[in-house]
C-alpha atoms as a PDB file:
ATOM      1  CA  MET A   1      35.032  76.024  47.864  1.00  0.00           C
ATOM      2  CA  SER A   2      36.272  77.387  44.531  1.00  0.00           C
ATOM      3  CA  ASN A   3      39.840  78.564  44.066  1.00  0.00           C
ATOM      4  CA  VAL A   4      40.358  82.294  44.497  1.00  0.00           C
ATOM      5  CA  LEU A   5      44.074  82.256  43.635  1.00  0.00           C
ATOM      6  CA  ILE A   6      46.186  79.988  41.432  1.00  0.00           C
ATOM      7  CA  LEU A   7      49.934  80.102  40.862  1.00  0.00           C
ATOM      8  CA  GLU A   8      51.086  78.286  37.729  1.00  0.00           C
ATOM      9  CA  GLY A   9      54.745  77.450  37.124  1.00  0.00           C
ATOM     10  CA  ILE A  10      56.104  80.546  38.877  1.00  0.00           C
ATOM     11  CA  GLU A  11      59.837  81.067  38.438  1.00  0.00           C
ATOM     12  CA  LYS A  12      61.901  83.982  39.700  1.00  0.00           C
ATOM     13  CA  SER A  13      65.604  84.785  39.769  1.00  0.00           C
ATOM     14  CA  PHE A  14      67.552  87.741  41.081  1.00  0.00           C
ATOM     15  CA  GLY A  15      70.728  87.898  39.057  1.00  0.00           C
ATOM     16  CA  LYS A  16      72.193  84.390  39.036  1.00  0.00           C
ATOM     17  CA  THR A  17      70.255  83.321  42.130  1.00  0.00           C
ATOM     18  CA  ARG A  18      67.179  81.191  41.446  1.00  0.00           C
ATOM     19  CA  VAL A  19      64.635  82.044  44.133  1.00  0.00           C
ATOM     20  CA  LEU A  20      61.510  80.268  42.857  1.00  0.00           C
ATOM     21  CA  ARG A  21      61.790  77.085  40.806  1.00  0.00           C
ATOM     22  CA  GLY A  22      58.470  76.522  39.074  1.00  0.00           C
ATOM     23  CA  ILE A  23      55.983  76.537  41.948  1.00  0.00           C
ATOM     24  CA  ASP A  24      52.306  75.633  41.561  1.00  0.00           C
ATOM     25  CA  LEU A  25      49.637  76.346  44.159  1.00  0.00           C
ATOM     26  CA  GLU A  26      45.842  76.501  44.330  1.00  0.00           C
ATOM     27  CA  ILE A  27      44.241  78.429  47.190  1.00  0.00           C
ATOM     28  CA  ALA A  28      40.553  78.058  48.019  1.00  0.00           C
ATOM     29  CA  ARG A  29      38.217  80.933  48.735  1.00  0.00           C
ATOM     30  CA  GLY A  30      38.088  81.604  52.476  1.00  0.00           C
ATOM     31  CA  GLU A  31      41.151  79.474  53.225  1.00  0.00           C
ATOM     32  CA  PHE A  32      43.885  80.266  55.751  1.00  0.00           C
ATOM     33  CA  LEU A  33      47.061  79.080  54.036  1.00  0.00           C
ATOM     34  CA  THR A  34      50.537  79.486  55.513  1.00  0.00           C
ATOM     35  CA  LEU A  35      53.827  79.514  53.624  1.00  0.00           C
ATOM     36  CA  LEU A  36      56.305  78.007  56.070  1.00  0.00           C
ATOM     37  CA  GLY A  37      60.034  77.861  55.619  1.00  0.00           C
ATOM     38  CA  SER A  38      63.444  79.068  56.749  1.00  0.00           C
ATOM     39  CA  SER A  39      64.958  82.382  55.687  1.00  0.00           C
ATOM     40  CA  GLY A  40      65.764  82.514  51.987  1.00  0.00           C
ATOM     41  CA  CYS A  41      63.416  79.709  50.922  1.00  0.00           C
ATOM     42  CA  GLY A  42      61.328  81.991  48.661  1.00  0.00           C
ATOM     43  CA  LYS A  43      58.181  82.578  50.693  1.00  0.00           C
ATOM     44  CA  THR A  44      58.397  86.389  50.776  1.00  0.00           C
ATOM     45  CA  THR A  45      59.137  86.526  47.042  1.00  0.00           C
ATOM     46  CA  THR A  46      56.054  84.377  46.452  1.00  0.00           C
ATOM     47  CA  LEU A  47      53.933  86.803  48.472  1.00  0.00           C
ATOM     48  CA  ARG A  48      55.346  89.819  46.635  1.00  0.00           C
ATOM     49  CA  ILE A  49      54.504  88.224  43.289  1.00  0.00           C
ATOM     50  CA  VAL A  50      50.905  87.663  44.427  1.00  0.00           C
ATOM     51  CA  ALA A  51      50.758  91.301  45.593  1.00  0.00           C
ATOM     52  CA  GLY A  52      52.131  92.581  42.296  1.00  0.00           C
ATOM     53  CA  LEU A  53      55.300  93.980  43.889  1.00  0.00           C
ATOM     54  CA  GLU A  54      57.431  91.566  41.845  1.00  0.00           C
ATOM     55  CA  THR A  55      56.899  90.102  38.378  1.00  0.00           C
ATOM     56  CA  PRO A  56      57.760  86.424  37.781  1.00  0.00           C
ATOM     57  CA  ASP A  57      60.220  85.473  35.075  1.00  0.00           C
ATOM     58  CA  ARG A  58      57.844  82.684  34.040  1.00  0.00           C
ATOM     59  CA  GLY A  59      54.414  81.485  35.048  1.00  0.00           C
ATOM     60  CA  ARG A  60      51.037  83.059  35.780  1.00  0.00           C
ATOM     61  CA  VAL A  61      49.079  84.469  38.712  1.00  0.00           C
ATOM     62  CA  LEU A  62      45.333  83.909  38.399  1.00  0.00           C
ATOM     63  CA  LEU A  63      42.928  85.794  40.671  1.00  0.00           C
ATOM     64  CA  ASN A  64      39.308  84.652  40.363  1.00  0.00           C
ATOM     65  CA  GLY A  65      40.242  83.013  37.078  1.00  0.00           C
ATOM     66  CA  GLU A  66      41.749  86.197  35.582  1.00  0.00           C
ATOM     67  CA  ASP A  67      45.417  86.474  34.671  1.00  0.00           C
ATOM     68  CA  VAL A  68      46.776  89.337  36.808  1.00  0.00           C
ATOM     69  CA  THR A  69      50.468  88.548  36.326  1.00  0.00           C
ATOM     70  CA  GLU A  70      51.229  91.876  34.637  1.00  0.00           C
ATOM     71  CA  ARG A  71      48.784  94.027  36.603  1.00  0.00           C
ATOM     72  CA  GLU A  72      49.929  96.692  39.030  1.00  0.00           C
ATOM     73  CA  PRO A  73      49.338  96.174  42.774  1.00  0.00           C
ATOM     74  CA  TRP A  74      46.409  98.610  42.890  1.00  0.00           C
ATOM     75  CA  GLN A  75      44.732  96.694  40.074  1.00  0.00           C
ATOM     76  CA  ARG A  76      44.444  93.544  42.208  1.00  0.00           C
ATOM     77  CA  ASN A  77      41.920  93.044  44.989  1.00  0.00           C
ATOM     78  CA  VAL A  78      44.598  92.032  47.502  1.00  0.00           C
ATOM     79  CA  ASN A  79      46.168  93.857  50.449  1.00  0.00           C
ATOM     80  CA  THR A  80      49.350  93.246  52.450  1.00  0.00           C
ATOM     81  CA  VAL A  81      50.152  93.491  56.172  1.00  0.00           C
ATOM     82  CA  PHE A  82      53.871  93.819  56.895  1.00  0.00           C
ATOM     83  CA  GLN A  83      55.876  92.945  59.990  1.00  0.00           C
ATOM     84  CA  ASN A  84      56.966  96.568  60.518  1.00  0.00           C
ATOM     85  CA  TYR A  85      53.338  97.843  60.324  1.00  0.00           C
ATOM     86  CA  ALA A  86      54.283 100.615  57.810  1.00  0.00           C
ATOM     87  CA  LEU A  87      51.955 103.163  59.435  1.00  0.00           C
ATOM     88  CA  PHE A  88      52.272 106.854  58.572  1.00  0.00           C
ATOM     89  CA  PRO A  89      53.773 108.353  61.775  1.00  0.00           C
ATOM     90  CA  HIS A  90      52.324 111.841  61.124  1.00  0.00           C
ATOM     91  CA  MET A  91      48.738 110.563  60.719  1.00  0.00           C
ATOM     92  CA  ASP A  92      46.355 109.484  63.457  1.00  0.00           C
ATOM     93  CA  VAL A  93      44.739 106.046  63.455  1.00  0.00           C
ATOM     94  CA  ALA A  94      41.649 107.131  61.504  1.00  0.00           C
ATOM     95  CA  ALA A  95      43.729 108.840  58.827  1.00  0.00           C
ATOM     96  CA  ASN A  96      46.004 105.793  58.473  1.00  0.00           C
ATOM     97  CA  ILE A  97      43.075 103.422  58.043  1.00  0.00           C
ATOM     98  CA  GLY A  98      41.127 105.676  55.697  1.00  0.00           C
ATOM     99  CA  TYR A  99      44.054 106.784  53.548  1.00  0.00           C
ATOM    100  CA  SER A 100      43.442 104.360  50.684  1.00  0.00           C
ATOM    101  CA  LEU A 101      39.738 105.231  50.645  1.00  0.00           C
ATOM    102  CA  LYS A 102      40.661 108.903  50.407  1.00  0.00           C
ATOM    103  CA  LEU A 103      42.795 108.109  47.358  1.00  0.00           C
ATOM    104  CA  LYS A 104      39.751 106.381  45.856  1.00  0.00           C
ATOM    105  CA  LYS A 105      37.773 109.645  46.263  1.00  0.00           C
ATOM    106  CA  LYS A 106      35.321 108.180  48.759  1.00  0.00           C
ATOM    107  CA  SER A 107      33.190 110.723  50.634  1.00  0.00           C
ATOM    108  CA  ARG A 108      34.012 111.705  54.211  1.00  0.00           C
ATOM    109  CA  PRO A 109      30.920 109.965  55.642  1.00  0.00           C
ATOM    110  CA  GLU A 110      31.800 106.775  53.720  1.00  0.00           C
ATOM    111  CA  ILE A 111      35.360 106.855  54.998  1.00  0.00           C
ATOM    112  CA  ALA A 112      34.247 107.527  58.580  1.00  0.00           C
ATOM    113  CA  ARG A 113      31.806 104.592  58.523  1.00  0.00           C
ATOM    114  CA  ALA A 114      34.411 102.259  57.032  1.00  0.00           C
ATOM    115  CA  VAL A 115      37.061 103.303  59.576  1.00  0.00           C
ATOM    116  CA  THR A 116      34.649 102.793  62.475  1.00  0.00           C
ATOM    117  CA  GLU A 117      33.663  99.344  61.231  1.00  0.00           C
ATOM    118  CA  SER A 118      37.293  98.327  60.689  1.00  0.00           C
ATOM    119  CA  LEU A 119      38.237  99.419  64.209  1.00  0.00           C
ATOM    120  CA  LYS A 120      35.388  97.335  65.601  1.00  0.00           C
ATOM    121  CA  LEU A 121      36.717  94.285  63.786  1.00  0.00           C
ATOM    122  CA  VAL A 122      40.126  94.632  65.446  1.00  0.00           C
ATOM    123  CA  GLN A 123      38.660  95.706  68.811  1.00  0.00           C
ATOM    124  CA  LEU A 124      40.092  99.241  68.802  1.00  0.00           C
ATOM    125  CA  GLU A 125      36.921 101.319  69.028  1.00  0.00           C
ATOM    126  CA  GLY A 126      37.647 104.838  70.254  1.00  0.00           C
ATOM    127  CA  TYR A 127      41.262 104.917  69.045  1.00  0.00           C
ATOM    128  CA  GLU A 128      40.580 107.087  65.984  1.00  0.00           C
ATOM    129  CA  LYS A 129      42.563 110.106  67.214  1.00  0.00           C
ATOM    130  CA  ARG A 130      45.560 108.237  68.648  1.00  0.00           C
ATOM    131  CA  MET A 131      48.916 108.651  66.925  1.00  0.00           C
ATOM    132  CA  PRO A 132      51.006 105.538  66.071  1.00  0.00           C
ATOM    133  CA  SER A 133      53.624 106.593  68.654  1.00  0.00           C
ATOM    134  CA  GLU A 134      50.936 106.381  71.356  1.00  0.00           C
ATOM    135  CA  LEU A 135      50.115 102.746  70.585  1.00  0.00           C
ATOM    136  CA  SER A 136      51.660  99.490  71.768  1.00  0.00           C
ATOM    137  CA  GLY A 137      53.139  97.043  69.267  1.00  0.00           C
ATOM    138  CA  GLY A 138      49.989  94.914  69.332  1.00  0.00           C
ATOM    139  CA  GLN A 139      47.759  97.951  68.811  1.00  0.00           C
ATOM    140  CA  ARG A 140      49.856  99.170  65.877  1.00  0.00           C
ATOM    141  CA  GLN A 141      49.559  95.734  64.309  1.00  0.00           C
ATOM    142  CA  ARG A 142      45.776  95.853  64.730  1.00  0.00           C
ATOM    143  CA  VAL A 143      45.703  99.240  62.996  1.00  0.00           C
ATOM    144  CA  ALA A 144      47.751  97.822  60.112  1.00  0.00           C
ATOM    145  CA  ILE A 145      45.280  94.945  59.792  1.00  0.00           C
ATOM    146  CA  ALA A 146      42.302  97.348  59.943  1.00  0.00           C
ATOM    147  CA  ARG A 147      43.897  99.464  57.204  1.00  0.00           C
ATOM    148  CA  ALA A 148      44.194  96.383  54.999  1.00  0.00           C
ATOM    149  CA  LEU A 149      40.654  95.179  55.725  1.00  0.00           C
ATOM    150  CA  VAL A 150      38.999  98.547  55.027  1.00  0.00           C
ATOM    151  CA  ASN A 151      39.433  97.886  51.302  1.00  0.00           C
ATOM    152  CA  GLU A 152      37.496  94.587  51.574  1.00  0.00           C
ATOM    153  CA  PRO A 153      40.192  92.553  49.791  1.00  0.00           C
ATOM    154  CA  GLN A 154      39.507  89.094  48.449  1.00  0.00           C
ATOM    155  CA  VAL A 155      42.957  88.003  49.586  1.00  0.00           C
ATOM    156  CA  LEU A 156      44.892  89.329  52.577  1.00  0.00           C
ATOM    157  CA  LEU A 157      48.656  88.767  52.514  1.00  0.00           C
ATOM    158  CA  LEU A 158      50.446  88.737  55.877  1.00  0.00           C
ATOM    159  CA  ASP A 159      54.247  88.818  55.839  1.00  0.00           C
ATOM    160  CA  GLU A 160      55.372  87.619  59.304  1.00  0.00           C
ATOM    161  CA  PRO A 161      52.992  90.182  60.885  1.00  0.00           C
ATOM    162  CA  LEU A 162      53.573  88.998  64.465  1.00  0.00           C
ATOM    163  CA  GLY A 163      57.334  88.624  64.330  1.00  0.00           C
ATOM    164  CA  ALA A 164      58.044  91.836  66.268  1.00  0.00           C
ATOM    165  CA  LEU A 165      55.720  90.975  69.176  1.00  0.00           C
ATOM    166  CA  ASP A 166      56.647  89.236  72.419  1.00  0.00           C
ATOM    167  CA  LEU A 167      55.617  85.598  72.886  1.00  0.00           C
ATOM    168  CA  GLN A 168      52.489  86.166  74.986  1.00  0.00           C
ATOM    169  CA  LEU A 169      51.135  88.919  72.753  1.00  0.00           C
ATOM    170  CA  ARG A 170      52.003  86.921  69.636  1.00  0.00           C
ATOM    171  CA  ARG A 171      49.919  83.981  70.846  1.00  0.00           C
ATOM    172  CA  GLN A 172      47.026  86.291  71.673  1.00  0.00           C
ATOM    173  CA  MET A 173      47.188  87.842  68.204  1.00  0.00           C
ATOM    174  CA  GLN A 174      47.280  84.392  66.597  1.00  0.00           C
ATOM    175  CA  THR A 175      43.912  83.630  68.176  1.00  0.00           C
ATOM    176  CA  GLU A 176      42.476  87.005  67.178  1.00  0.00           C
ATOM    177  CA  LEU A 177      43.674  86.731  63.577  1.00  0.00           C
ATOM    178  CA  LYS A 178      42.170  83.279  63.174  1.00  0.00           C
ATOM    179  CA  ARG A 179      38.875  84.473  64.694  1.00  0.00           C
ATOM    180  CA  LEU A 180      38.831  87.471  62.358  1.00  0.00           C
ATOM    181  CA  GLN A 181      39.585  85.376  59.290  1.00  0.00           C
ATOM    182  CA  LYS A 182      36.768  82.939  60.029  1.00  0.00           C
ATOM    183  CA  ARG A 183      34.324  85.752  60.733  1.00  0.00           C
ATOM    184  CA  LEU A 184      35.062  87.629  57.501  1.00  0.00           C
ATOM    185  CA  GLY A 185      35.624  84.621  55.246  1.00  0.00           C
ATOM    186  CA  ILE A 186      38.565  86.335  53.544  1.00  0.00           C
ATOM    187  CA  THR A 187      41.393  84.246  52.112  1.00  0.00           C
ATOM    188  CA  PHE A 188      44.528  84.694  54.222  1.00  0.00           C
ATOM    189  CA  ILE A 189      48.010  83.879  52.896  1.00  0.00           C
ATOM    190  CA  TYR A 190      50.351  83.996  55.856  1.00  0.00           C
ATOM    191  CA  ILE A 191      54.146  83.864  55.969  1.00  0.00           C
ATOM    192  CA  THR A 192      56.100  82.580  58.948  1.00  0.00           C
ATOM    193  CA  HIS A 193      59.214  80.620  59.881  1.00  0.00           C
ATOM    194  CA  ASP A 194      57.569  79.648  63.201  1.00  0.00           C
ATOM    195  CA  GLN A 195      56.206  76.102  62.895  1.00  0.00           C
ATOM    196  CA  GLU A 196      54.102  76.414  66.064  1.00  0.00           C
ATOM    197  CA  GLU A 197      52.395  79.504  64.649  1.00  0.00           C
ATOM    198  CA  ALA A 198      51.709  77.714  61.364  1.00  0.00           C
ATOM    199  CA  LEU A 199      50.278  74.627  63.087  1.00  0.00           C
ATOM    200  CA  ASN A 200      48.026  76.695  65.354  1.00  0.00           C
ATOM    201  CA  MET A 201      46.494  78.933  62.711  1.00  0.00           C
ATOM    202  CA  SER A 202      46.402  77.279  59.304  1.00  0.00           C
ATOM    203  CA  ASP A 203      43.844  75.327  57.321  1.00  0.00           C
ATOM    204  CA  ARG A 204      46.740  74.210  55.135  1.00  0.00           C
ATOM    205  CA  ILE A 205      50.500  74.633  55.251  1.00  0.00           C
ATOM    206  CA  ALA A 206      52.855  74.831  52.268  1.00  0.00           C
ATOM    207  CA  VAL A 207      56.381  73.967  53.419  1.00  0.00           C
ATOM    208  CA  MET A 208      58.989  75.669  51.234  1.00  0.00           C
ATOM    209  CA  ARG A 209      62.611  74.768  50.692  1.00  0.00           C
ATOM    210  CA  GLU A 210      65.029  76.239  48.130  1.00  0.00           C
ATOM    211  CA  GLY A 211      62.277  77.800  46.040  1.00  0.00           C
ATOM    212  CA  ARG A 212      60.003  74.765  45.926  1.00  0.00           C
ATOM    213  CA  PHE A 213      57.038  73.407  47.859  1.00  0.00           C
ATOM    214  CA  VAL A 214      58.220  70.171  49.433  1.00  0.00           C
ATOM    215  CA  GLN A 215      54.865  69.331  51.030  1.00  0.00           C
ATOM    216  CA  ILE A 216      51.405  70.913  51.082  1.00  0.00           C
ATOM    217  CA  GLY A 217      48.680  69.683  53.404  1.00  0.00           C
ATOM    218  CA  SER A 218      46.649  70.265  56.540  1.00  0.00           C
ATOM    219  CA  ALA A 219      48.465  71.004  59.784  1.00  0.00           C
ATOM    220  CA  GLN A 220      47.724  67.453  60.961  1.00  0.00           C
ATOM    221  CA  GLU A 221      49.016  65.915  57.722  1.00  0.00           C
ATOM    222  CA  ILE A 222      52.224  67.927  57.823  1.00  0.00           C
ATOM    223  CA  TYR A 223      52.862  67.071  61.477  1.00  0.00           C
ATOM    224  CA  ASP A 224      51.726  63.439  61.572  1.00  0.00           C
ATOM    225  CA  ARG A 225      52.706  62.356  58.047  1.00  0.00           C
ATOM    226  CA  PRO A 226      55.777  64.287  56.862  1.00  0.00           C
ATOM    227  CA  ARG A 227      57.021  63.104  53.489  1.00  0.00           C
ATOM    228  CA  THR A 228      60.705  63.892  53.910  1.00  0.00           C
ATOM    229  CA  SER A 229      63.257  64.055  56.688  1.00  0.00           C
ATOM    230  CA  TYR A 230      63.495  67.814  56.142  1.00  0.00           C
ATOM    231  CA  VAL A 231      59.780  68.388  56.763  1.00  0.00           C
ATOM    232  CA  ALA A 232      59.837  66.057  59.768  1.00  0.00           C
ATOM    233  CA  ARG A 233      62.687  68.012  61.353  1.00  0.00           C
ATOM    234  CA  PHE A 234      61.472  71.480  60.414  1.00  0.00           C
ATOM    235  CA  VAL A 235      57.854  71.067  61.507  1.00  0.00           C
ATOM    236  CA  GLY A 236      58.093  69.912  65.087  1.00  0.00           C
ATOM    237  CA  ASN A 237      60.954  68.034  66.670  1.00  0.00           C
ATOM    238  CA  ALA A 238      61.178  64.699  64.889  1.00  0.00           C
ATOM    239  CA  ASN A 239      63.917  62.134  65.298  1.00  0.00           C
ATOM    240  CA  ILE A 240      65.171  60.493  62.106  1.00  0.00           C
ATOM    241  CA  ILE A 241      66.105  56.899  62.872  1.00  0.00           C
ATOM    242  CA  ARG A 242      67.193  54.190  60.431  1.00  0.00           C
ATOM    243  CA  VAL A 243      65.748  50.790  61.292  1.00  0.00           C
ATOM    244  CA  ASP A 244      65.957  47.666  59.111  1.00  0.00           C
ATOM    245  CA  GLY A 245      66.978  49.714  56.072  1.00  0.00           C
ATOM    246  CA  ARG A 246      64.100  52.177  56.463  1.00  0.00           C
ATOM    247  CA  MET A 247      64.282  55.788  57.513  1.00  0.00           C
ATOM    248  CA  LEU A 248      61.600  56.609  60.113  1.00  0.00           C
ATOM    249  CA  ALA A 249      60.496  59.903  61.634  1.00  0.00           C
ATOM    250  CA  VAL A 250      59.440  59.669  65.286  1.00  0.00           C
ATOM    251  CA  ARG A 251      58.261  62.731  67.211  1.00  0.00           C
ATOM    252  CA  SER A 252      60.132  63.435  70.446  1.00  0.00           C
ATOM    253  CA  GLU A 253      56.947  63.173  72.527  1.00  0.00           C
ATOM    254  CA  GLN A 254      56.338  59.702  71.095  1.00  0.00           C
ATOM    255  CA  ILE A 255      59.722  58.304  72.106  1.00  0.00           C
ATOM    256  CA  LEU A 256      59.399  55.708  74.889  1.00  0.00           C
ATOM    257  CA  LEU A 257      62.232  55.220  77.386  1.00  0.00           C
ATOM    258  CA  ASP A 258      62.848  52.211  79.611  1.00  0.00           C
ATOM    259  CA  GLY A 259      65.621  51.130  81.902  1.00  0.00           C
ATOM    260  CA  GLN A 260      65.042  47.510  80.883  1.00  0.00           C
ATOM    261  CA  GLU A 261      65.528  46.077  77.429  1.00  0.00           C
ATOM    262  CA  THR A 262      62.306  45.232  75.568  1.00  0.00           C
ATOM    263  CA  PRO A 263      61.783  43.495  72.183  1.00  0.00           C
ATOM    264  CA  GLY A 264      62.739  45.836  69.326  1.00  0.00           C
ATOM    265  CA  ALA A 265      64.122  48.566  71.615  1.00  0.00           C
ATOM    266  CA  LEU A 266      67.379  50.340  70.728  1.00  0.00           C
ATOM    267  CA  ALA A 267      70.151  50.834  73.265  1.00  0.00           C
ATOM    268  CA  ALA A 268      71.042  54.464  74.008  1.00  0.00           C
ATOM    269  CA  VAL A 269      73.001  56.609  76.454  1.00  0.00           C
ATOM    270  CA  VAL A 270      71.604  59.769  78.079  1.00  0.00           C
ATOM    271  CA  LYS A 271      73.740  62.748  77.011  1.00  0.00           C
ATOM    272  CA  GLU A 272      71.869  65.720  78.514  1.00  0.00           C
ATOM    273  CA  LYS A 273      68.636  66.999  80.036  1.00  0.00           C
ATOM    274  CA  SER A 274      67.171  70.490  79.665  1.00  0.00           C
ATOM    275  CA  PHE A 275      63.922  72.421  79.998  1.00  0.00           C
ATOM    276  CA  VAL A 276      62.723  74.222  76.870  1.00  0.00           C
ATOM    277  CA  GLY A 277      59.450  76.152  77.002  1.00  0.00           C
ATOM    278  CA  GLY A 278      58.093  74.082  79.885  1.00  0.00           C
ATOM    279  CA  MET A 279      59.107  70.812  78.232  1.00  0.00           C
ATOM    280  CA  LEU A 280      61.758  68.505  79.613  1.00  0.00           C
ATOM    281  CA  ARG A 281      64.008  67.363  76.781  1.00  0.00           C
ATOM    282  CA  ILE A 282      66.229  64.335  77.183  1.00  0.00           C
ATOM    283  CA  GLY A 283      69.035  64.060  74.670  1.00  0.00           C
ATOM    284  CA  LEU A 284      70.288  60.548  73.942  1.00  0.00           C
ATOM    285  CA  GLU A 285      72.647  58.841  71.560  1.00  0.00           C
ATOM    286  CA  LEU A 286      72.088  55.412  70.010  1.00  0.00           C
ATOM    287  CA  THR A 287      74.964  52.941  69.753  1.00  0.00           C
ATOM    288  CA  ASP A 288      75.424  53.856  66.068  1.00  0.00           C
ATOM    289  CA  GLY A 289      75.828  57.534  66.994  1.00  0.00           C
ATOM    290  CA  THR A 290      72.327  58.653  65.949  1.00  0.00           C
ATOM    291  CA  PRO A 291      71.053  61.481  68.210  1.00  0.00           C
ATOM    292  CA  VAL A 292      67.560  61.039  69.678  1.00  0.00           C
ATOM    293  CA  THR A 293      65.491  63.524  71.656  1.00  0.00           C
ATOM    294  CA  ALA A 294      62.639  62.527  73.980  1.00  0.00           C
ATOM    295  CA  SER A 295      60.363  65.202  75.449  1.00  0.00           C
ATOM    296  CA  ARG A 296      58.040  65.149  78.441  1.00  0.00           C
ATOM    297  CA  HIS A 297      55.549  67.651  79.883  1.00  0.00           C
ATOM    298  CA  GLY A 298      56.569  68.767  83.356  1.00  0.00           C
ATOM    299  CA  ILE A 299      58.206  65.471  84.372  1.00  0.00           C
ATOM    300  CA  ASP A 300      61.706  65.551  85.793  1.00  0.00           C
ATOM    301  CA  ALA A 301      62.819  62.088  84.763  1.00  0.00           C
ATOM    302  CA  ALA A 302      65.272  60.428  87.134  1.00  0.00           C
ATOM    303  CA  TRP A 303      67.608  59.418  84.299  1.00  0.00           C
ATOM    304  CA  GLN A 304      70.968  61.161  84.390  1.00  0.00           C
ATOM    305  CA  PRO A 305      73.673  61.835  81.772  1.00  0.00           C
ATOM    306  CA  GLY A 306      75.771  58.727  81.199  1.00  0.00           C
ATOM    307  CA  GLU A 307      72.957  56.340  82.092  1.00  0.00           C
ATOM    308  CA  ARG A 308      72.078  53.536  79.653  1.00  0.00           C
ATOM    309  CA  LEU A 309      68.449  53.313  78.514  1.00  0.00           C
ATOM    310  CA  TYR A 310      66.398  51.651  75.788  1.00  0.00           C
ATOM    311  CA  VAL A 311      64.508  53.624  73.149  1.00  0.00           C
ATOM    312  CA  SER A 312      61.305  52.454  71.464  1.00  0.00           C
ATOM    313  CA  TRP A 313      58.018  53.751  70.020  1.00  0.00           C
ATOM    314  CA  ARG A 314      54.633  52.417  69.021  1.00  0.00           C
ATOM    315  CA  PRO A 315      54.573  51.082  65.437  1.00  0.00           C
ATOM    316  CA  GLU A 316      52.075  53.708  64.229  1.00  0.00           C
ATOM    317  CA  HIS A 317      54.363  56.504  65.446  1.00  0.00           C
ATOM    318  CA  GLY A 318      57.253  55.541  63.160  1.00  0.00           C
ATOM    319  CA  VAL A 319      56.521  57.331  59.859  1.00  0.00           C
ATOM    320  CA  PRO A 320      58.598  56.351  56.792  1.00  0.00           C
ATOM    321  CA  VAL A 321      60.184  59.429  55.162  1.00  0.00           C
ATOM    322  CA  GLU A 322      62.389  60.136  52.173  1.00  0.00           C
ATOM    323  CA  LYS A 323      65.953  61.210  52.816  1.00  0.00           C
ATOM    324  CA  ASP A 324      66.175  64.923  52.121  1.00  0.00           C
ATOM    325  CA  GLU A 325      69.137  66.350  53.995  1.00  0.00           C
ATOM    326  CA  THR A 326      69.635  70.073  54.527  1.00  0.00           C
ATOM    327  CA  ALA A 327      71.591  71.474  51.614  1.00  0.00           C
ATOM    328  CA  ALA A 328      75.033  72.950  52.124  1.00  0.00           C
ATOM    329  CA  GLY A 329      74.768  76.576  53.137  1.00  0.00           C
ATOM    330  CA  GLU A 330      71.069  76.336  53.995  1.00  0.00           C
ATOM    331  CA  GLU A 331      70.232  77.373  57.528  1.00  0.00           C
ATOM    332  CA  VAL A 332      67.472  75.708  59.504  1.00  0.00           C
ATOM    333  CA  ASP A 333      65.825  78.120  61.934  1.00  0.00           C
ATOM    334  CA  GLU A 334      66.449  76.649  65.370  1.00  0.00           C
ATOM    335  CA  GLU A 335      63.300  78.285  66.760  1.00  0.00           C
ATOM    336  CA  ALA A 336      61.269  76.162  64.362  1.00  0.00           C
ATOM    337  CA  LEU A 337      62.777  72.854  65.475  1.00  0.00           C
END
């Protein structure tokens, strides 16, 4: 696949605050790429620069090999779907979807055909005359997506589009969005702070921190082979444990617990047990004070707070990572841990 979008050395500041610090990114045609990071990391600013809603202080935006850095939003073949839908409340569904085509002076029959086809794509046939106030949150989001797709963009930008939906509907929409993207072959650039959402949907993930990409790779690479302690903690629930002078990341589901000491195991004390999203989490503390979390699916382990256990893991599950502690003042979204 050839690259449809390239970002070269993009820098952006607002006043004295540096938001983007020289980012580079190549996005393939037909790829589903997610920008993942906590609030304030620069992902929305990156999306706005691609859309033409912000201009970088330095660097270039290349779309199909052409420099579009200084072009207006309507001069780029990209469209954006926002979290708040941004539908016109006084227009029905058909008018919302066809609005941009009307501005382009398309004929009524052309607009009607395009609106009908777009509604089929998002499974809302027959909703043409509904008003936005008559739709559920999921239906309004589908209309917003249909409105973006009606222009046949080369790149679709999605700024946390599912953030306002409840958990069950959000998961359903994740599946539908991925199905739609594969069917149409359009490049999707998706923003989220939800690591589960990113892992479920993406071909590649670009993890952002303080205006930089700290790791870019497939969902499996990001999860199984994090490069830094920050990525390991942010994407999934990894324990960072220092052993023999090395810092290792071990996923909570890969932590082994035993009441008897085994070769290489580390002594620990159970501090707490809790259920989180159907998972049993066991919080422990090693003798050096390092916190460790072990997780299990639907198993109520007999171990109780105060009990002494031994912690271990298979050698292949201990991934060496670089120390990259959370910077002062930077918040890590607890929902993403």
